[in-house]
Amino acid sequence: MPLRRGVVANHKRGLRLMHEEQLLARRRRRFVCTTDSEHRWPIYPNLLPQVRVSGLDQLWIADLTYIRLPQEFGDLAVILAASSRRCIGWALELS
């Protein structure tokens, strides 16, 4: 039998008090490194470092990234308009 010391409380109050005092166990997230900086592929320079974008559709920016899903990883490719930062198009490939 739990020791209550004359205090009437249910399990939700105990859980709330433990949460307020940060006494609950926290799960450790496993770190997954998705960047390989020592790859053998060429690194391309920025071809337009001093360009000032003044209108629409003058410059598009592309990026690739990994997305962690519950069961697997996905590769996301995105194309953005540099002037508005609006997404022009994207594609998701599950690996």
N, C-alpha and C. Protein backbone atom coordinates (compact mmCIF):
# COMPACT_ATOMS: atom_id res chain seq x y z
N MET A 1 0.83 -1.19 0.00
CA MET A 1 0.00 0.00 0.00
C MET A 1 0.87 1.25 0.00
N PRO A 2 0.54 2.22 -0.84
CA PRO A 2 1.36 3.44 -0.89
C PRO A 2 1.22 4.28 0.37
N LEU A 3 2.27 4.95 0.72
CA LEU A 3 2.28 5.83 1.89
C LEU A 3 1.75 7.20 1.49
N ARG A 4 0.60 7.59 2.00
CA ARG A 4 -0.03 8.84 1.59
C ARG A 4 0.16 9.96 2.62
N ARG A 5 0.50 9.63 3.84
CA ARG A 5 0.70 10.61 4.91
C ARG A 5 -0.50 11.55 5.09
N GLY A 6 -1.69 11.01 4.91
CA GLY A 6 -2.90 11.80 5.13
C GLY A 6 -3.30 12.71 3.99
N VAL A 7 -2.59 12.66 2.87
CA VAL A 7 -2.91 13.52 1.73
C VAL A 7 -3.76 12.72 0.75
N VAL A 8 -4.91 13.31 0.36
CA VAL A 8 -5.78 12.67 -0.61
C VAL A 8 -5.42 13.23 -1.98
N ALA A 9 -4.98 12.34 -2.88
CA ALA A 9 -4.60 12.78 -4.21
C ALA A 9 -4.73 11.60 -5.17
N ASN A 10 -5.04 11.90 -6.41
CA ASN A 10 -5.11 10.84 -7.40
C ASN A 10 -3.81 10.82 -8.21
N HIS A 11 -3.72 9.88 -9.14
CA HIS A 11 -2.49 9.70 -9.89
C HIS A 11 -2.20 10.89 -10.81
N LYS A 12 -3.24 11.59 -11.28
CA LYS A 12 -3.01 12.73 -12.18
C LYS A 12 -2.35 13.89 -11.45
N ARG A 13 -2.70 14.10 -10.19
CA ARG A 13 -2.06 15.18 -9.43
C ARG A 13 -0.60 14.84 -9.17
N GLY A 14 -0.34 13.58 -8.84
CA GLY A 14 1.05 13.17 -8.64
C GLY A 14 1.87 13.31 -9.90
N LEU A 15 1.29 12.96 -11.03
CA LEU A 15 1.99 13.10 -12.30
C LEU A 15 2.24 14.57 -12.63
N ARG A 16 1.26 15.44 -12.37
CA ARG A 16 1.44 16.87 -12.63
C ARG A 16 2.54 17.45 -11.75
N LEU A 17 2.56 17.08 -10.45
CA LEU A 17 3.60 17.58 -9.55
C LEU A 17 4.98 17.08 -9.96
N MET A 18 5.06 15.83 -10.38
CA MET A 18 6.35 15.31 -10.83
C MET A 18 6.80 16.02 -12.10
N HIS A 19 5.86 16.34 -12.98
CA HIS A 19 6.19 17.06 -14.20
C HIS A 19 6.69 18.47 -13.89
N GLU A 20 6.03 19.15 -12.95
CA GLU A 20 6.44 20.50 -12.57
C GLU A 20 7.84 20.53 -11.96
N GLU A 21 8.20 19.49 -11.24
CA GLU A 21 9.52 19.42 -10.60
C GLU A 21 10.56 18.71 -11.48
N GLN A 22 10.17 18.38 -12.70
CA GLN A 22 11.04 17.71 -13.67
C GLN A 22 11.62 16.41 -13.11
N LEU A 23 10.74 15.61 -12.55
CA LEU A 23 11.14 14.32 -11.98
C LEU A 23 10.78 13.14 -12.87
N LEU A 24 10.22 13.40 -14.03
CA LEU A 24 9.83 12.32 -14.93
C LEU A 24 11.03 11.89 -15.77
N ALA A 25 11.05 10.64 -16.14
CA ALA A 25 12.12 10.12 -16.98
C ALA A 25 11.97 10.70 -18.39
N ARG A 26 13.09 11.10 -18.97
CA ARG A 26 13.09 11.63 -20.33
C ARG A 26 13.78 10.65 -21.25
N ARG A 27 13.17 10.41 -22.39
CA ARG A 27 13.77 9.49 -23.36
C ARG A 27 14.93 10.17 -24.05
N ARG A 28 15.98 9.42 -24.26
CA ARG A 28 17.11 9.93 -25.01
C ARG A 28 16.89 9.63 -26.47
N ARG A 29 17.01 10.65 -27.30
CA ARG A 29 16.89 10.44 -28.72
C ARG A 29 18.22 9.97 -29.28
N ARG A 30 18.14 9.00 -30.15
CA ARG A 30 19.33 8.48 -30.78
C ARG A 30 19.75 9.45 -31.88
N PHE A 31 21.01 9.86 -31.89
CA PHE A 31 21.50 10.78 -32.91
C PHE A 31 21.87 10.00 -34.15
N VAL A 32 21.33 10.43 -35.28
CA VAL A 32 21.64 9.80 -36.54
C VAL A 32 22.34 10.83 -37.41
N CYS A 33 23.58 10.56 -37.77
CA CYS A 33 24.35 11.47 -38.61
C CYS A 33 23.98 11.21 -40.07
N THR A 34 23.45 12.24 -40.74
CA THR A 34 23.04 12.07 -42.13
C THR A 34 23.93 12.83 -43.09
N THR A 35 24.95 13.53 -42.60
CA THR A 35 25.83 14.31 -43.45
C THR A 35 27.18 13.63 -43.56
N ASP A 36 27.63 13.46 -44.79
CA ASP A 36 28.94 12.88 -45.05
C ASP A 36 29.81 13.98 -45.66
N SER A 37 30.61 14.64 -44.85
CA SER A 37 31.45 15.73 -45.34
C SER A 37 32.69 15.24 -46.06
N GLU A 38 33.00 13.98 -45.94
CA GLU A 38 34.19 13.41 -46.58
C GLU A 38 33.83 12.64 -47.84
N HIS A 39 32.81 13.10 -48.57
CA HIS A 39 32.38 12.39 -49.77
C HIS A 39 33.36 12.63 -50.92
N ARG A 40 33.26 11.80 -51.94
CA ARG A 40 34.18 11.88 -53.07
C ARG A 40 33.63 12.72 -54.21
N TRP A 41 32.46 13.30 -54.05
CA TRP A 41 31.83 14.07 -55.11
C TRP A 41 32.37 15.50 -55.13
N PRO A 42 32.37 16.15 -56.29
CA PRO A 42 32.87 17.53 -56.35
C PRO A 42 31.96 18.50 -55.60
N ILE A 43 32.57 19.51 -55.03
CA ILE A 43 31.82 20.58 -54.35
C ILE A 43 31.83 21.77 -55.30
N TYR A 44 30.66 22.17 -55.69
CA TYR A 44 30.55 23.24 -56.69
C TYR A 44 30.53 24.61 -56.01
N PRO A 45 31.21 25.58 -56.58
CA PRO A 45 31.23 26.92 -55.98
C PRO A 45 29.92 27.66 -56.23
N ASN A 46 29.69 28.69 -55.45
CA ASN A 46 28.55 29.57 -55.65
C ASN A 46 28.82 30.41 -56.90
N LEU A 47 28.02 30.23 -57.93
CA LEU A 47 28.27 30.90 -59.20
C LEU A 47 27.74 32.33 -59.23
N LEU A 48 26.90 32.69 -58.29
CA LEU A 48 26.30 34.03 -58.27
C LEU A 48 26.42 34.68 -56.89
N PRO A 49 27.63 34.90 -56.38
CA PRO A 49 27.76 35.41 -55.01
C PRO A 49 27.34 36.87 -54.85
N GLN A 50 27.52 37.71 -55.87
CA GLN A 50 27.21 39.13 -55.73
C GLN A 50 25.91 39.53 -56.44
N VAL A 51 25.11 38.59 -56.87
CA VAL A 51 23.89 38.93 -57.61
C VAL A 51 22.84 39.49 -56.66
N ARG A 52 22.24 40.61 -57.03
CA ARG A 52 21.12 41.20 -56.28
C ARG A 52 19.85 40.88 -57.06
N VAL A 53 18.96 40.11 -56.45
CA VAL A 53 17.72 39.71 -57.10
C VAL A 53 16.71 40.84 -56.92
N SER A 54 16.19 41.38 -58.04
CA SER A 54 15.26 42.50 -57.97
C SER A 54 13.88 42.16 -58.47
N GLY A 55 13.69 40.98 -59.03
CA GLY A 55 12.38 40.61 -59.56
C GLY A 55 12.13 39.12 -59.46
N LEU A 56 10.93 38.76 -59.89
CA LEU A 56 10.54 37.35 -59.84
C LEU A 56 11.26 36.54 -60.90
N ASP A 57 11.48 35.28 -60.62
CA ASP A 57 12.05 34.30 -61.54
C ASP A 57 13.41 34.70 -62.12
N GLN A 58 14.20 35.44 -61.37
CA GLN A 58 15.56 35.75 -61.80
C GLN A 58 16.55 34.70 -61.28
N LEU A 59 16.24 34.11 -60.13
CA LEU A 59 17.14 33.15 -59.53
C LEU A 59 16.34 32.13 -58.74
N TRP A 60 16.62 30.86 -58.98
CA TRP A 60 16.02 29.78 -58.21
C TRP A 60 17.11 29.10 -57.40
N ILE A 61 16.73 28.60 -56.24
CA ILE A 61 17.65 27.93 -55.33
C ILE A 61 17.14 26.51 -55.12
N ALA A 62 18.04 25.54 -55.16
CA ALA A 62 17.67 24.15 -54.94
C ALA A 62 18.41 23.61 -53.72
N ASP A 63 17.77 22.67 -53.03
CA ASP A 63 18.39 22.06 -51.87
C ASP A 63 17.91 20.63 -51.74
N LEU A 64 18.77 19.77 -51.22
CA LEU A 64 18.44 18.38 -50.90
C LEU A 64 18.62 18.18 -49.42
N THR A 65 17.73 17.43 -48.80
CA THR A 65 17.85 17.16 -47.38
C THR A 65 17.21 15.81 -47.06
N TYR A 66 17.53 15.27 -45.91
CA TYR A 66 16.95 14.03 -45.43
C TYR A 66 15.84 14.35 -44.44
N ILE A 67 14.80 13.55 -44.45
CA ILE A 67 13.70 13.68 -43.49
C ILE A 67 13.54 12.34 -42.79
N ARG A 68 13.54 12.38 -41.46
CA ARG A 68 13.34 11.15 -40.71
C ARG A 68 11.84 10.91 -40.54
N LEU A 69 11.38 9.77 -41.01
CA LEU A 69 10.00 9.36 -40.86
C LEU A 69 9.95 8.26 -39.81
N PRO A 70 8.77 7.90 -39.32
CA PRO A 70 8.72 6.90 -38.25
C PRO A 70 9.42 5.58 -38.57
N GLN A 71 9.34 5.11 -39.81
CA GLN A 71 9.91 3.81 -40.15
C GLN A 71 11.14 3.87 -41.03
N GLU A 72 11.40 5.04 -41.67
CA GLU A 72 12.50 5.12 -42.64
C GLU A 72 12.92 6.57 -42.84
N PHE A 73 13.89 6.76 -43.71
CA PHE A 73 14.32 8.10 -44.10
C PHE A 73 13.77 8.41 -45.48
N GLY A 74 13.59 9.71 -45.73
CA GLY A 74 13.19 10.15 -47.05
C GLY A 74 14.13 11.25 -47.52
N ASP A 75 14.33 11.34 -48.84
CA ASP A 75 15.14 12.39 -49.44
C ASP A 75 14.18 13.43 -49.99
N LEU A 76 14.37 14.69 -49.61
CA LEU A 76 13.51 15.76 -50.06
C LEU A 76 14.31 16.73 -50.92
N ALA A 77 13.84 16.98 -52.13
CA ALA A 77 14.44 17.96 -53.03
C ALA A 77 13.46 19.11 -53.18
N VAL A 78 13.96 20.34 -53.00
CA VAL A 78 13.10 21.53 -53.04
C VAL A 78 13.72 22.57 -53.95
N ILE A 79 12.89 23.27 -54.72
CA ILE A 79 13.32 24.40 -55.53
C ILE A 79 12.57 25.63 -55.03
N LEU A 80 13.31 26.69 -54.66
CA LEU A 80 12.74 27.92 -54.12
C LEU A 80 13.04 29.08 -55.05
N ALA A 81 12.12 30.05 -55.10
CA ALA A 81 12.39 31.30 -55.79
C ALA A 81 13.16 32.19 -54.82
N ALA A 82 14.30 32.72 -55.27
CA ALA A 82 15.17 33.49 -54.37
C ALA A 82 14.53 34.80 -53.94
N SER A 83 13.73 35.43 -54.79
CA SER A 83 13.16 36.74 -54.45
C SER A 83 12.05 36.63 -53.40
N SER A 84 11.20 35.63 -53.51
CA SER A 84 10.06 35.52 -52.60
C SER A 84 10.21 34.39 -51.59
N ARG A 85 11.20 33.54 -51.76
CA ARG A 85 11.41 32.34 -50.93
C ARG A 85 10.21 31.39 -51.02
N ARG A 86 9.47 31.49 -52.12
CA ARG A 86 8.32 30.63 -52.34
C ARG A 86 8.78 29.31 -52.94
N CYS A 87 8.13 28.24 -52.56
CA CYS A 87 8.46 26.92 -53.07
C CYS A 87 7.91 26.79 -54.50
N ILE A 88 8.81 26.56 -55.45
CA ILE A 88 8.42 26.37 -56.84
C ILE A 88 8.03 24.91 -57.08
N GLY A 89 8.77 24.01 -56.49
CA GLY A 89 8.48 22.58 -56.64
C GLY A 89 9.26 21.76 -55.65
N TRP A 90 8.80 20.53 -55.41
CA TRP A 90 9.49 19.65 -54.49
C TRP A 90 9.21 18.20 -54.88
N ALA A 91 10.06 17.29 -54.41
CA ALA A 91 9.89 15.86 -54.64
C ALA A 91 10.41 15.12 -53.41
N LEU A 92 9.69 14.07 -53.00
CA LEU A 92 10.07 13.25 -51.86
C LEU A 92 10.27 11.83 -52.31
N GLU A 93 11.42 11.28 -52.02
CA GLU A 93 11.74 9.89 -52.38
C GLU A 93 12.00 9.12 -51.10
N LEU A 94 11.27 8.05 -50.87
CA LEU A 94 11.47 7.22 -49.69
C LEU A 94 12.53 6.19 -49.98
N SER A 95 13.44 6.03 -49.01
CA SER A 95 14.54 5.08 -49.23
C SER A 95 14.33 3.81 -48.47
